[in-house]
Amino acid sequence: MDYFNDPELNGKYLGTITKDFVVVCDTLLEASSQIRKGDFSKYPIFVFAKQEVPLGGLLVNADELNLEWHVFASYMELFVQQGIIDVDGVEAFQATYKDPDEFCCLFVLDEEFTNFVFVPYPED
């Protein structure tokens, strides 16, 4: 699996993800901080999916905020347990993981597109 921003993301997905991300970014940054401070993981991952998925805990219910994407809070170790990140791929994932104070690691899960993408948090 490729951990870099995928050209497919441009176009169909980037618009709707960005639109929702702007609404929830403060919540995600806070959750990322809590995951890291709570010693759960140094590698928070936020799953963007249009339906309920068994990947982490529901953080943002799209229906309540009139968004397209539900957001689930998770982290690398859980993704390894669930077989999404291969044990042999952990070092590569860690090497490409961007500063979690500046970038949000999203795992976009949709029928036509499944990939990791790093989205910068908006600057104040």
PDB file of N, CA and C in Angstrom:
ATOM      1  N   MET A   1       0.841  -1.198   0.000  1.00  0.00           N
ATOM      2  CA  MET A   1       0.000   0.000   0.000  1.00  0.00           C
ATOM      3  C   MET A   1       0.875   1.247   0.000  1.00  0.00           C
ATOM      4  N   ASP A   2       0.513   2.211  -0.772  1.00  0.00           N
ATOM      5  CA  ASP A   2       1.276   3.450  -0.892  1.00  0.00           C
ATOM      6  C   ASP A   2       0.800   4.445   0.160  1.00  0.00           C
ATOM      7  N   TYR A   3       1.734   4.986   0.914  1.00  0.00           N
ATOM      8  CA  TYR A   3       1.360   5.897   2.008  1.00  0.00           C
ATOM      9  C   TYR A   3       1.458   7.367   1.621  1.00  0.00           C
ATOM     10  N   PHE A   4       1.610   7.640   0.346  1.00  0.00           N
ATOM     11  CA  PHE A   4       1.743   9.033  -0.074  1.00  0.00           C
ATOM     12  C   PHE A   4       0.427   9.523  -0.671  1.00  0.00           C
ATOM     13  N   ASN A   5       0.294  10.819  -0.745  1.00  0.00           N
ATOM     14  CA  ASN A   5      -0.918  11.378  -1.343  1.00  0.00           C
ATOM     15  C   ASN A   5      -1.054  10.851  -2.766  1.00  0.00           C
ATOM     16  N   ASP A   6      -2.213  10.359  -3.059  1.00  0.00           N
ATOM     17  CA  ASP A   6      -2.467   9.672  -4.313  1.00  0.00           C
ATOM     18  C   ASP A   6      -3.109  10.639  -5.307  1.00  0.00           C
ATOM     19  N   PRO A   7      -2.674  10.616  -6.567  1.00  0.00           N
ATOM     20  CA  PRO A   7      -3.281  11.527  -7.551  1.00  0.00           C
ATOM     21  C   PRO A   7      -4.785  11.321  -7.711  1.00  0.00           C
ATOM     22  N   GLU A   8      -5.263  10.084  -7.448  1.00  0.00           N
ATOM     23  CA  GLU A   8      -6.702   9.823  -7.538  1.00  0.00           C
ATOM     24  C   GLU A   8      -7.498  10.691  -6.578  1.00  0.00           C
ATOM     25  N   LEU A   9      -6.836  11.087  -5.507  1.00  0.00           N
ATOM     26  CA  LEU A   9      -7.546  11.848  -4.493  1.00  0.00           C
ATOM     27  C   LEU A   9      -7.969  13.213  -5.040  1.00  0.00           C
ATOM     28  N   ASN A  10      -7.144  13.753  -5.924  1.00  0.00           N
ATOM     29  CA  ASN A  10      -7.485  15.040  -6.516  1.00  0.00           C
ATOM     30  C   ASN A  10      -8.750  14.854  -7.320  1.00  0.00           C
ATOM     31  N   GLY A  11      -9.582  15.866  -7.295  1.00  0.00           N
ATOM     32  CA  GLY A  11     -10.812  15.713  -8.054  1.00  0.00           C
ATOM     33  C   GLY A  11     -11.941  15.258  -7.167  1.00  0.00           C
ATOM     34  N   LYS A  12     -12.397  14.056  -7.413  1.00  0.00           N
ATOM     35  CA  LYS A  12     -13.624  13.566  -6.791  1.00  0.00           C
ATOM     36  C   LYS A  12     -13.599  13.661  -5.267  1.00  0.00           C
ATOM     37  N   TYR A  13     -12.484  13.256  -4.659  1.00  0.00           N
ATOM     38  CA  TYR A  13     -12.482  13.141  -3.210  1.00  0.00           C
ATOM     39  C   TYR A  13     -12.009  14.384  -2.486  1.00  0.00           C
ATOM     40  N   LEU A  14     -10.986  15.019  -3.024  1.00  0.00           N
ATOM     41  CA  LEU A  14     -10.348  16.097  -2.283  1.00  0.00           C
ATOM     42  C   LEU A  14     -11.335  17.183  -1.881  1.00  0.00           C
ATOM     43  N   GLY A  15     -12.245  17.519  -2.782  1.00  0.00           N
ATOM     44  CA  GLY A  15     -13.224  18.565  -2.485  1.00  0.00           C
ATOM     45  C   GLY A  15     -14.097  18.237  -1.292  1.00  0.00           C
ATOM     46  N   THR A  16     -14.690  17.049  -1.291  1.00  0.00           N
ATOM     47  CA  THR A  16     -15.616  16.710  -0.201  1.00  0.00           C
ATOM     48  C   THR A  16     -14.862  16.458   1.097  1.00  0.00           C
ATOM     49  N   ILE A  17     -13.669  15.862   0.990  1.00  0.00           N
ATOM     50  CA  ILE A  17     -12.880  15.614   2.204  1.00  0.00           C
ATOM     51  C   ILE A  17     -12.440  16.940   2.803  1.00  0.00           C
ATOM     52  N   THR A  18     -11.936  17.831   1.963  1.00  0.00           N
ATOM     53  CA  THR A  18     -11.466  19.129   2.451  1.00  0.00           C
ATOM     54  C   THR A  18     -12.603  19.916   3.083  1.00  0.00           C
ATOM     55  N   LYS A  19     -13.763  19.887   2.446  1.00  0.00           N
ATOM     56  CA  LYS A  19     -14.921  20.621   2.966  1.00  0.00           C
ATOM     57  C   LYS A  19     -15.268  20.126   4.373  1.00  0.00           C
ATOM     58  N   ASP A  20     -15.309  18.821   4.565  1.00  0.00           N
ATOM     59  CA  ASP A  20     -15.610  18.262   5.886  1.00  0.00           C
ATOM     60  C   ASP A  20     -14.449  18.462   6.851  1.00  0.00           C
ATOM     61  N   PHE A  21     -13.227  18.328   6.348  1.00  0.00           N
ATOM     62  CA  PHE A  21     -12.047  18.451   7.205  1.00  0.00           C
ATOM     63  C   PHE A  21     -11.991  19.825   7.873  1.00  0.00           C
ATOM     64  N   VAL A  22     -12.315  20.866   7.099  1.00  0.00           N
ATOM     65  CA  VAL A  22     -12.287  22.231   7.647  1.00  0.00           C
ATOM     66  C   VAL A  22     -13.240  22.353   8.834  1.00  0.00           C
ATOM     67  N   VAL A  23     -14.387  21.667   8.766  1.00  0.00           N
ATOM     68  CA  VAL A  23     -15.381  21.719   9.843  1.00  0.00           C
ATOM     69  C   VAL A  23     -14.878  20.995  11.098  1.00  0.00           C
ATOM     70  N   VAL A  24     -14.185  19.874  10.902  1.00  0.00           N
ATOM     71  CA  VAL A  24     -13.831  19.004  12.038  1.00  0.00           C
ATOM     72  C   VAL A  24     -12.363  19.067  12.447  1.00  0.00           C
ATOM     73  N   CYS A  25     -11.549  19.886  11.774  1.00  0.00           N
ATOM     74  CA  CYS A  25     -10.098  19.844  12.001  1.00  0.00           C
ATOM     75  C   CYS A  25      -9.705  20.131  13.451  1.00  0.00           C
ATOM     76  N   ASP A  26     -10.393  21.059  14.120  1.00  0.00           N
ATOM     77  CA  ASP A  26     -10.057  21.347  15.519  1.00  0.00           C
ATOM     78  C   ASP A  26     -10.319  20.132  16.401  1.00  0.00           C
ATOM     79  N   THR A  27     -11.419  19.439  16.140  1.00  0.00           N
ATOM     80  CA  THR A  27     -11.758  18.223  16.880  1.00  0.00           C
ATOM     81  C   THR A  27     -10.695  17.151  16.644  1.00  0.00           C
ATOM     82  N   LEU A  28     -10.249  17.024  15.391  1.00  0.00           N
ATOM     83  CA  LEU A  28      -9.252  16.007  15.059  1.00  0.00           C
ATOM     84  C   LEU A  28      -7.901  16.327  15.685  1.00  0.00           C
ATOM     85  N   LEU A  29      -7.526  17.604  15.661  1.00  0.00           N
ATOM     86  CA  LEU A  29      -6.247  17.996  16.261  1.00  0.00           C
ATOM     87  C   LEU A  29      -6.250  17.716  17.763  1.00  0.00           C
ATOM     88  N   GLU A  30      -7.367  18.012  18.418  1.00  0.00           N
ATOM     89  CA  GLU A  30      -7.495  17.742  19.852  1.00  0.00           C
ATOM     90  C   GLU A  30      -7.444  16.234  20.123  1.00  0.00           C
ATOM     91  N   ALA A  31      -8.163  15.462  19.329  1.00  0.00           N
ATOM     92  CA  ALA A  31      -8.160  14.007  19.498  1.00  0.00           C
ATOM     93  C   ALA A  31      -6.765  13.436  19.251  1.00  0.00           C
ATOM     94  N   SER A  32      -6.078  13.964  18.246  1.00  0.00           N
ATOM     95  CA  SER A  32      -4.719  13.521  17.942  1.00  0.00           C
ATOM     96  C   SER A  32      -3.807  13.766  19.145  1.00  0.00           C
ATOM     97  N   SER A  33      -3.953  14.933  19.726  1.00  0.00           N
ATOM     98  CA  SER A  33      -3.161  15.288  20.905  1.00  0.00           C
ATOM     99  C   SER A  33      -3.457  14.340  22.066  1.00  0.00           C
ATOM    100  N   GLN A  34      -4.738  14.037  22.282  1.00  0.00           N
ATOM    101  CA  GLN A  34      -5.140  13.140  23.373  1.00  0.00           C
ATOM    102  C   GLN A  34      -4.600  11.718  23.153  1.00  0.00           C
ATOM    103  N   ILE A  35      -4.654  11.242  21.916  1.00  0.00           N
ATOM    104  CA  ILE A  35      -4.138   9.903  21.597  1.00  0.00           C
ATOM    105  C   ILE A  35      -2.640   9.840  21.905  1.00  0.00           C
ATOM    106  N   ARG A  36      -1.923  10.914  21.538  1.00  0.00           N
ATOM    107  CA  ARG A  36      -0.476  10.929  21.754  1.00  0.00           C
ATOM    108  C   ARG A  36      -0.130  11.140  23.231  1.00  0.00           C
ATOM    109  N   LYS A  37      -0.852  12.019  23.906  1.00  0.00           N
ATOM    110  CA  LYS A  37      -0.595  12.261  25.335  1.00  0.00           C
ATOM    111  C   LYS A  37      -0.968  11.058  26.183  1.00  0.00           C
ATOM    112  N   GLY A  38      -2.014  10.343  25.774  1.00  0.00           N
ATOM    113  CA  GLY A  38      -2.492   9.196  26.540  1.00  0.00           C
ATOM    114  C   GLY A  38      -1.659   7.948  26.312  1.00  0.00           C
ATOM    115  N   ASP A  39      -0.561   8.098  25.580  1.00  0.00           N
ATOM    116  CA  ASP A  39       0.329   6.971  25.297  1.00  0.00           C
ATOM    117  C   ASP A  39      -0.352   5.826  24.557  1.00  0.00           C
ATOM    118  N   PHE A  40      -1.441   6.114  23.851  1.00  0.00           N
ATOM    119  CA  PHE A  40      -2.047   5.085  23.004  1.00  0.00           C
ATOM    120  C   PHE A  40      -1.124   4.840  21.822  1.00  0.00           C
ATOM    121  N   SER A  41      -0.668   5.943  21.221  1.00  0.00           N
ATOM    122  CA  SER A  41       0.143   5.831  20.015  1.00  0.00           C
ATOM    123  C   SER A  41       0.762   7.178  19.674  1.00  0.00           C
ATOM    124  N   LYS A  42       1.897   7.123  18.991  1.00  0.00           N
ATOM    125  CA  LYS A  42       2.499   8.340  18.428  1.00  0.00           C
ATOM    126  C   LYS A  42       1.954   8.581  17.017  1.00  0.00           C
ATOM    127  N   TYR A  43       1.097   7.656  16.560  1.00  0.00           N
ATOM    128  CA  TYR A  43       0.640   7.698  15.169  1.00  0.00           C
ATOM    129  C   TYR A  43      -0.881   7.647  15.063  1.00  0.00           C
ATOM    130  N   PRO A  44      -1.555   8.753  15.414  1.00  0.00           N
ATOM    131  CA  PRO A  44      -3.020   8.782  15.262  1.00  0.00           C
ATOM    132  C   PRO A  44      -3.408   8.703  13.780  1.00  0.00           C
ATOM    133  N   ILE A  45      -4.520   8.020  13.532  1.00  0.00           N
ATOM    134  CA  ILE A  45      -5.079   7.909  12.179  1.00  0.00           C
ATOM    135  C   ILE A  45      -6.578   8.188  12.290  1.00  0.00           C
ATOM    136  N   PHE A  46      -7.077   9.016  11.394  1.00  0.00           N
ATOM    137  CA  PHE A  46      -8.511   9.318  11.392  1.00  0.00           C
ATOM    138  C   PHE A  46      -9.128   8.742  10.124  1.00  0.00           C
ATOM    139  N   VAL A  47     -10.100   7.859  10.332  1.00  0.00           N
ATOM    140  CA  VAL A  47     -10.744   7.178   9.214  1.00  0.00           C
ATOM    141  C   VAL A  47     -11.908   8.032   8.724  1.00  0.00           C
ATOM    142  N   PHE A  48     -11.896   8.377   7.447  1.00  0.00           N
ATOM    143  CA  PHE A  48     -13.001   9.085   6.804  1.00  0.00           C
ATOM    144  C   PHE A  48     -13.779   8.042   6.013  1.00  0.00           C
ATOM    145  N   ALA A  49     -15.029   7.801   6.393  1.00  0.00           N
ATOM    146  CA  ALA A  49     -15.841   6.801   5.702  1.00  0.00           C
ATOM    147  C   ALA A  49     -17.278   7.306   5.618  1.00  0.00           C
ATOM    148  N   LYS A  50     -17.995   6.869   4.599  1.00  0.00           N
ATOM    149  CA  LYS A  50     -19.379   7.328   4.424  1.00  0.00           C
ATOM    150  C   LYS A  50     -20.371   6.427   5.137  1.00  0.00           C
ATOM    151  N   GLN A  51     -19.877   5.330   5.707  1.00  0.00           N
ATOM    152  CA  GLN A  51     -20.753   4.452   6.480  1.00  0.00           C
ATOM    153  C   GLN A  51     -19.993   3.989   7.723  1.00  0.00           C
ATOM    154  N   GLU A  52     -20.710   3.350   8.637  1.00  0.00           N
ATOM    155  CA  GLU A  52     -20.071   2.842   9.852  1.00  0.00           C
ATOM    156  C   GLU A  52     -19.019   1.805   9.468  1.00  0.00           C
ATOM    157  N   VAL A  53     -17.843   1.913  10.068  1.00  0.00           N
ATOM    158  CA  VAL A  53     -16.790   0.927   9.833  1.00  0.00           C
ATOM    159  C   VAL A  53     -16.187   0.517  11.175  1.00  0.00           C
ATOM    160  N   PRO A  54     -15.710  -0.713  11.281  1.00  0.00           N
ATOM    161  CA  PRO A  54     -15.164  -1.193  12.552  1.00  0.00           C
ATOM    162  C   PRO A  54     -13.699  -0.814  12.729  1.00  0.00           C
ATOM    163  N   LEU A  55     -13.388   0.454  12.504  1.00  0.00           N
ATOM    164  CA  LEU A  55     -12.001   0.917  12.596  1.00  0.00           C
ATOM    165  C   LEU A  55     -11.931   2.085  13.576  1.00  0.00           C
ATOM    166  N   GLY A  56     -11.716   1.785  14.840  1.00  0.00           N
ATOM    167  CA  GLY A  56     -11.610   2.856  15.810  1.00  0.00           C
ATOM    168  C   GLY A  56     -12.972   3.293  16.319  1.00  0.00           C
ATOM    169  N   GLY A  57     -12.968   4.382  17.056  1.00  0.00           N
ATOM    170  CA  GLY A  57     -14.199   4.889  17.654  1.00  0.00           C
ATOM    171  C   GLY A  57     -14.774   6.041  16.865  1.00  0.00           C
ATOM    172  N   LEU A  58     -16.092   6.088  16.775  1.00  0.00           N
ATOM    173  CA  LEU A  58     -16.753   7.185  16.059  1.00  0.00           C
ATOM    174  C   LEU A  58     -16.464   8.494  16.775  1.00  0.00           C
ATOM    175  N   LEU A  59     -15.855   9.424  16.068  1.00  0.00           N
ATOM    176  CA  LEU A  59     -15.498  10.718  16.631  1.00  0.00           C
ATOM    177  C   LEU A  59     -16.457  11.797  16.137  1.00  0.00           C
ATOM    178  N   VAL A  60     -16.787  11.737  14.857  1.00  0.00           N
ATOM    179  CA  VAL A  60     -17.685  12.721  14.253  1.00  0.00           C
ATOM    180  C   VAL A  60     -18.766  11.974  13.486  1.00  0.00           C
ATOM    181  N   ASN A  61     -20.027  12.197  13.875  1.00  0.00           N
ATOM    182  CA  ASN A  61     -21.149  11.610  13.154  1.00  0.00           C
ATOM    183  C   ASN A  61     -21.562  12.590  12.061  1.00  0.00           C
ATOM    184  N   ALA A  62     -21.360  12.183  10.812  1.00  0.00           N
ATOM    185  CA  ALA A  62     -21.643  13.069   9.679  1.00  0.00           C
ATOM    186  C   ALA A  62     -23.083  13.562   9.684  1.00  0.00           C
ATOM    187  N   ASP A  63     -24.019  12.680  10.072  1.00  0.00           N
ATOM    188  CA  ASP A  63     -25.437  13.037  10.036  1.00  0.00           C
ATOM    189  C   ASP A  63     -25.750  14.195  10.982  1.00  0.00           C
ATOM    190  N   GLU A  64     -25.086  14.209  12.132  1.00  0.00           N
ATOM    191  CA  GLU A  64     -25.360  15.265  13.113  1.00  0.00           C
ATOM    192  C   GLU A  64     -24.838  16.619  12.662  1.00  0.00           C
ATOM    193  N   LEU A  65     -23.762  16.627  11.865  1.00  0.00           N
ATOM    194  CA  LEU A  65     -23.152  17.894  11.440  1.00  0.00           C
ATOM    195  C   LEU A  65     -23.423  18.213   9.976  1.00  0.00           C
ATOM    196  N   ASN A  66     -24.288  17.414   9.351  1.00  0.00           N
ATOM    197  CA  ASN A  66     -24.613  17.611   7.945  1.00  0.00           C
ATOM    198  C   ASN A  66     -23.358  17.543   7.064  1.00  0.00           C
ATOM    199  N   LEU A  67     -22.529  16.536   7.318  1.00  0.00           N
ATOM    200  CA  LEU A  67     -21.309  16.327   6.545  1.00  0.00           C
ATOM    201  C   LEU A  67     -21.463  15.073   5.684  1.00  0.00           C
ATOM    202  N   GLU A  68     -20.516  14.872   4.767  1.00  0.00           N
ATOM    203  CA  GLU A  68     -20.556  13.673   3.927  1.00  0.00           C
ATOM    204  C   GLU A  68     -19.836  12.499   4.572  1.00  0.00           C
ATOM    205  N   TRP A  69     -18.837  12.785   5.399  1.00  0.00           N
ATOM    206  CA  TRP A  69     -17.956  11.738   5.919  1.00  0.00           C
ATOM    207  C   TRP A  69     -18.083  11.604   7.428  1.00  0.00           C
ATOM    208  N   HIS A  70     -18.229  10.356   7.897  1.00  0.00           N
ATOM    209  CA  HIS A  70     -18.080  10.058   9.321  1.00  0.00           C
ATOM    210  C   HIS A  70     -16.581  10.018   9.592  1.00  0.00           C
ATOM    211  N   VAL A  71     -16.185  10.347  10.813  1.00  0.00           N
ATOM    212  CA  VAL A  71     -14.767  10.278  11.164  1.00  0.00           C
ATOM    213  C   VAL A  71     -14.601   9.378  12.387  1.00  0.00           C
ATOM    214  N   PHE A  72     -13.696   8.422  12.256  1.00  0.00           N
ATOM    215  CA  PHE A  72     -13.392   7.490  13.339  1.00  0.00           C
ATOM    216  C   PHE A  72     -11.959   7.714  13.786  1.00  0.00           C
ATOM    217  N   ALA A  73     -11.737   7.742  15.092  1.00  0.00           N
ATOM    218  CA  ALA A  73     -10.391   7.926  15.629  1.00  0.00           C
ATOM    219  C   ALA A  73      -9.736   6.562  15.826  1.00  0.00           C
ATOM    220  N   SER A  74      -8.518   6.429  15.323  1.00  0.00           N
ATOM    221  CA  SER A  74      -7.788   5.184  15.465  1.00  0.00           C
ATOM    222  C   SER A  74      -6.297   5.514  15.542  1.00  0.00           C
ATOM    223  N   TYR A  75      -5.462   4.486  15.406  1.00  0.00           N
ATOM    224  CA  TYR A  75      -4.015   4.713  15.424  1.00  0.00           C
ATOM    225  C   TYR A  75      -3.305   3.507  14.815  1.00  0.00           C
ATOM    226  N   MET A  76      -2.035   3.721  14.527  1.00  0.00           N
ATOM    227  CA  MET A  76      -1.261   2.747  13.765  1.00  0.00           C
ATOM    228  C   MET A  76      -1.322   1.341  14.352  1.00  0.00           C
ATOM    229  N   GLU A  77      -1.121   1.200  15.641  1.00  0.00           N
ATOM    230  CA  GLU A  77      -1.062  -0.126  16.248  1.00  0.00           C
ATOM    231  C   GLU A  77      -2.356  -0.914  16.022  1.00  0.00           C
ATOM    232  N   LEU A  78      -3.493  -0.211  16.065  1.00  0.00           N
ATOM    233  CA  LEU A  78      -4.780  -0.855  15.808  1.00  0.00           C
ATOM    234  C   LEU A  78      -4.860  -1.306  14.346  1.00  0.00           C
ATOM    235  N   PHE A  79      -4.334  -0.481  13.444  1.00  0.00           N
ATOM    236  CA  PHE A  79      -4.329  -0.828  12.026  1.00  0.00           C
ATOM    237  C   PHE A  79      -3.453  -2.053  11.763  1.00  0.00           C
ATOM    238  N   VAL A  80      -2.382  -2.196  12.545  1.00  0.00           N
ATOM    239  CA  VAL A  80      -1.519  -3.378  12.410  1.00  0.00           C
ATOM    240  C   VAL A  80      -2.274  -4.606  12.920  1.00  0.00           C
ATOM    241  N   GLN A  81      -2.928  -4.469  14.079  1.00  0.00           N
ATOM    242  CA  GLN A  81      -3.712  -5.588  14.631  1.00  0.00           C
ATOM    243  C   GLN A  81      -4.787  -6.040  13.648  1.00  0.00           C
ATOM    244  N   GLN A  82      -5.397  -5.071  12.959  1.00  0.00           N
ATOM    245  CA  GLN A  82      -6.502  -5.392  12.049  1.00  0.00           C
ATOM    246  C   GLN A  82      -6.013  -5.795  10.656  1.00  0.00           C
ATOM    247  N   GLY A  83      -4.684  -5.792  10.466  1.00  0.00           N
ATOM    248  CA  GLY A  83      -4.121  -6.245   9.198  1.00  0.00           C
ATOM    249  C   GLY A  83      -4.171  -5.249   8.063  1.00  0.00           C
ATOM    250  N   ILE A  84      -4.511  -3.988   8.364  1.00  0.00           N
ATOM    251  CA  ILE A  84      -4.550  -2.968   7.301  1.00  0.00           C
ATOM    252  C   ILE A  84      -3.130  -2.527   6.975  1.00  0.00           C
ATOM    253  N   ILE A  85      -2.324  -2.355   8.032  1.00  0.00           N
ATOM    254  CA  ILE A  85      -0.895  -2.095   7.839  1.00  0.00           C
ATOM    255  C   ILE A  85      -0.189  -3.409   8.141  1.00  0.00           C
ATOM    256  N   ASP A  86       0.573  -3.888   7.181  1.00  0.00           N
ATOM    257  CA  ASP A  86       1.310  -5.126   7.350  1.00  0.00           C
ATOM    258  C   ASP A  86       2.420  -4.917   8.374  1.00  0.00           C
ATOM    259  N   VAL A  87       2.683  -5.921   9.174  1.00  0.00           N
ATOM    260  CA  VAL A  87       3.749  -5.817  10.181  1.00  0.00           C
ATOM    261  C   VAL A  87       5.060  -5.384   9.519  1.00  0.00           C
ATOM    262  N   ASP A  88       5.322  -5.912   8.329  1.00  0.00           N
ATOM    263  CA  ASP A  88       6.542  -5.539   7.600  1.00  0.00           C
ATOM    264  C   ASP A  88       6.504  -4.101   7.086  1.00  0.00           C
ATOM    265  N   GLY A  89       5.323  -3.502   7.072  1.00  0.00           N
ATOM    266  CA  GLY A  89       5.192  -2.141   6.556  1.00  0.00           C
ATOM    267  C   GLY A  89       5.212  -1.063   7.624  1.00  0.00           C
ATOM    268  N   VAL A  90       5.364  -1.458   8.878  1.00  0.00           N
ATOM    269  CA  VAL A  90       5.310  -0.490   9.980  1.00  0.00           C
ATOM    270  C   VAL A  90       6.412   0.562   9.859  1.00  0.00           C
ATOM    271  N   GLU A  91       7.644   0.127   9.578  1.00  0.00           N
ATOM    272  CA  GLU A  91       8.750   1.088   9.478  1.00  0.00           C
ATOM    273  C   GLU A  91       8.526   2.075   8.340  1.00  0.00           C
ATOM    274  N   ALA A  92       8.033   1.579   7.217  1.00  0.00           N
ATOM    275  CA  ALA A  92       7.760   2.458   6.074  1.00  0.00           C
ATOM    276  C   ALA A  92       6.665   3.465   6.432  1.00  0.00           C
ATOM    277  N   PHE A  93       5.640   2.983   7.149  1.00  0.00           N
ATOM    278  CA  PHE A  93       4.555   3.872   7.565  1.00  0.00           C
ATOM    279  C   PHE A  93       5.103   4.957   8.500  1.00  0.00           C
ATOM    280  N   GLN A  94       5.898   4.547   9.481  1.00  0.00           N
ATOM    281  CA  GLN A  94       6.466   5.503  10.424  1.00  0.00           C
ATOM    282  C   GLN A  94       7.361   6.518   9.712  1.00  0.00           C
ATOM    283  N   ALA A  95       8.102   6.052   8.712  1.00  0.00           N
ATOM    284  CA  ALA A  95       9.021   6.930   7.988  1.00  0.00           C
ATOM    285  C   ALA A  95       8.276   7.983   7.167  1.00  0.00           C
ATOM    286  N   THR A  96       7.079   7.645   6.673  1.00  0.00           N
ATOM    287  CA  THR A  96       6.340   8.594   5.839  1.00  0.00           C
ATOM    288  C   THR A  96       5.329   9.413   6.649  1.00  0.00           C
ATOM    289  N   TYR A  97       5.127   9.028   7.903  1.00  0.00           N
ATOM    290  CA  TYR A  97       4.153   9.724   8.759  1.00  0.00           C
ATOM    291  C   TYR A  97       4.634  11.150   9.002  1.00  0.00           C
ATOM    292  N   LYS A  98       3.750  12.118   8.797  1.00  0.00           N
ATOM    293  CA  LYS A  98       4.147  13.523   8.934  1.00  0.00           C
ATOM    294  C   LYS A  98       3.847  14.048  10.335  1.00  0.00           C
ATOM    295  N   ASP A  99       4.491  15.138  10.687  1.00  0.00           N
ATOM    296  CA  ASP A  99       4.348  15.752  12.015  1.00  0.00           C
ATOM    297  C   ASP A  99       2.867  15.894  12.385  1.00  0.00           C
ATOM    298  N   PRO A 100       2.412  15.162  13.436  1.00  0.00           N
ATOM    299  CA  PRO A 100       0.982  15.161  13.764  1.00  0.00           C
ATOM    300  C   PRO A 100       0.469  16.479  14.340  1.00  0.00           C
ATOM    301  N   ASP A 101       1.361  17.418  14.651  1.00  0.00           N
ATOM    302  CA  ASP A 101       0.900  18.747  15.055  1.00  0.00           C
ATOM    303  C   ASP A 101       0.594  19.614  13.836  1.00  0.00           C
ATOM    304  N   GLU A 102       1.111  19.211  12.675  1.00  0.00           N
ATOM    305  CA  GLU A 102       0.918  20.001  11.457  1.00  0.00           C
ATOM    306  C   GLU A 102       0.029  19.308  10.425  1.00  0.00           C
ATOM    307  N   PHE A 103       0.070  17.957  10.433  1.00  0.00           N
ATOM    308  CA  PHE A 103      -0.684  17.205   9.433  1.00  0.00           C
ATOM    309  C   PHE A 103      -1.583  16.176  10.102  1.00  0.00           C
ATOM    310  N   CYS A 104      -2.741  15.980   9.502  1.00  0.00           N
ATOM    311  CA  CYS A 104      -3.670  14.967   9.972  1.00  0.00           C
ATOM    312  C   CYS A 104      -3.547  13.759   9.047  1.00  0.00           C
ATOM    313  N   CYS A 105      -3.338  12.592   9.644  1.00  0.00           N
ATOM    314  CA  CYS A 105      -3.270  11.355   8.855  1.00  0.00           C
ATOM    315  C   CYS A 105      -4.683  10.810   8.710  1.00  0.00           C
ATOM    316  N   LEU A 106      -5.182  10.842   7.474  1.00  0.00           N
ATOM    317  CA  LEU A 106      -6.513  10.320   7.196  1.00  0.00           C
ATOM    318  C   LEU A 106      -6.391   8.984   6.484  1.00  0.00           C
ATOM    319  N   PHE A 107      -7.312   8.096   6.784  1.00  0.00           N
ATOM    320  CA  PHE A 107      -7.447   6.859   6.020  1.00  0.00           C
ATOM    321  C   PHE A 107      -8.813   6.977   5.371  1.00  0.00           C
ATOM    322  N   VAL A 108      -8.816   7.249   4.076  1.00  0.00           N
ATOM    323  CA  VAL A 108     -10.064   7.456   3.353  1.00  0.00           C
ATOM    324  C   VAL A 108     -10.558   6.098   2.864  1.00  0.00           C
ATOM    325  N   LEU A 109     -11.788   5.779   3.245  1.00  0.00           N
ATOM    326  CA  LEU A 109     -12.338   4.468   2.952  1.00  0.00           C
ATOM    327  C   LEU A 109     -13.649   4.661   2.202  1.00  0.00           C
ATOM    328  N   ASP A 110     -13.607   4.352   0.899  1.00  0.00           N
ATOM    329  CA  ASP A 110     -14.804   4.479   0.094  1.00  0.00           C
ATOM    330  C   ASP A 110     -14.808   3.329  -0.907  1.00  0.00           C
ATOM    331  N   GLU A 111     -15.913   3.136  -1.596  1.00  0.00           N
ATOM    332  CA  GLU A 111     -16.021   1.996  -2.501  1.00  0.00           C
ATOM    333  C   GLU A 111     -14.941   2.016  -3.580  1.00  0.00           C
ATOM    334  N   GLU A 112     -14.627   3.211  -4.075  1.00  0.00           N
ATOM    335  CA  GLU A 112     -13.696   3.298  -5.201  1.00  0.00           C
ATOM    336  C   GLU A 112     -12.294   3.705  -4.780  1.00  0.00           C
ATOM    337  N   PHE A 113     -12.115   4.107  -3.559  1.00  0.00           N
ATOM    338  CA  PHE A 113     -10.819   4.657  -3.160  1.00  0.00           C
ATOM    339  C   PHE A 113     -10.551   4.316  -1.703  1.00  0.00           C
ATOM    340  N   THR A 114      -9.409   3.710  -1.436  1.00  0.00           N
ATOM    341  CA  THR A 114      -8.995   3.430  -0.070  1.00  0.00           C
ATOM    342  C   THR A 114      -7.516   3.752   0.025  1.00  0.00           C
ATOM    343  N   ASN A 115      -7.166   4.760   0.825  1.00  0.00           N
ATOM    344  CA  ASN A 115      -5.755   5.098   0.945  1.00  0.00           C
ATOM    345  C   ASN A 115      -5.523   6.043   2.106  1.00  0.00           C
ATOM    346  N   PHE A 116      -4.262   6.143   2.489  1.00  0.00           N
ATOM    347  CA  PHE A 116      -3.839   7.125   3.474  1.00  0.00           C
ATOM    348  C   PHE A 116      -3.573   8.437   2.764  1.00  0.00           C
ATOM    349  N   VAL A 117      -3.882   9.528   3.437  1.00  0.00           N
ATOM    350  CA  VAL A 117      -3.568  10.849   2.900  1.00  0.00           C
ATOM    351  C   VAL A 117      -3.258  11.761   4.087  1.00  0.00           C
ATOM    352  N   PHE A 118      -2.274  12.616   3.920  1.00  0.00           N
ATOM    353  CA  PHE A 118      -1.923  13.571   4.973  1.00  0.00           C
ATOM    354  C   PHE A 118      -2.430  14.947   4.576  1.00  0.00           C
ATOM    355  N   VAL A 119      -3.266  15.520   5.432  1.00  0.00           N
ATOM    356  CA  VAL A 119      -3.861  16.817   5.143  1.00  0.00           C
ATOM    357  C   VAL A 119      -3.343  17.813   6.179  1.00  0.00           C
ATOM    358  N   PRO A 120      -2.808  18.950   5.711  1.00  0.00           N
ATOM    359  CA  PRO A 120      -2.301  19.934   6.677  1.00  0.00           C
ATOM    360  C   PRO A 120      -3.447  20.583   7.446  1.00  0.00           C
ATOM    361  N   TYR A 121      -3.225  20.775   8.748  1.00  0.00           N
ATOM    362  CA  TYR A 121      -4.210  21.527   9.534  1.00  0.00           C
ATOM    363  C   TYR A 121      -4.136  22.980   9.085  1.00  0.00           C
ATOM    364  N   PRO A 122      -5.289  23.668   9.055  1.00  0.00           N
ATOM    365  CA  PRO A 122      -5.253  25.088   8.680  1.00  0.00           C
ATOM    366  C   PRO A 122      -4.480  25.873   9.739  1.00  0.00           C
ATOM    367  N   GLU A 123      -3.730  26.874   9.271  1.00  0.00           N
ATOM    368  CA  GLU A 123      -3.012  27.708  10.228  1.00  0.00           C
ATOM    369  C   GLU A 123      -3.968  28.754  10.771  1.00  0.00           C
ATOM    370  N   ASP A 124      -3.748  29.123  12.024  1.00  0.00           N
ATOM    371  CA  ASP A 124      -4.662  30.082  12.675  1.00  0.00           C
ATOM    372  C   ASP A 124      -4.642  31.426  11.959  1.00  0.00           C
TER     373      ASP A 124
END
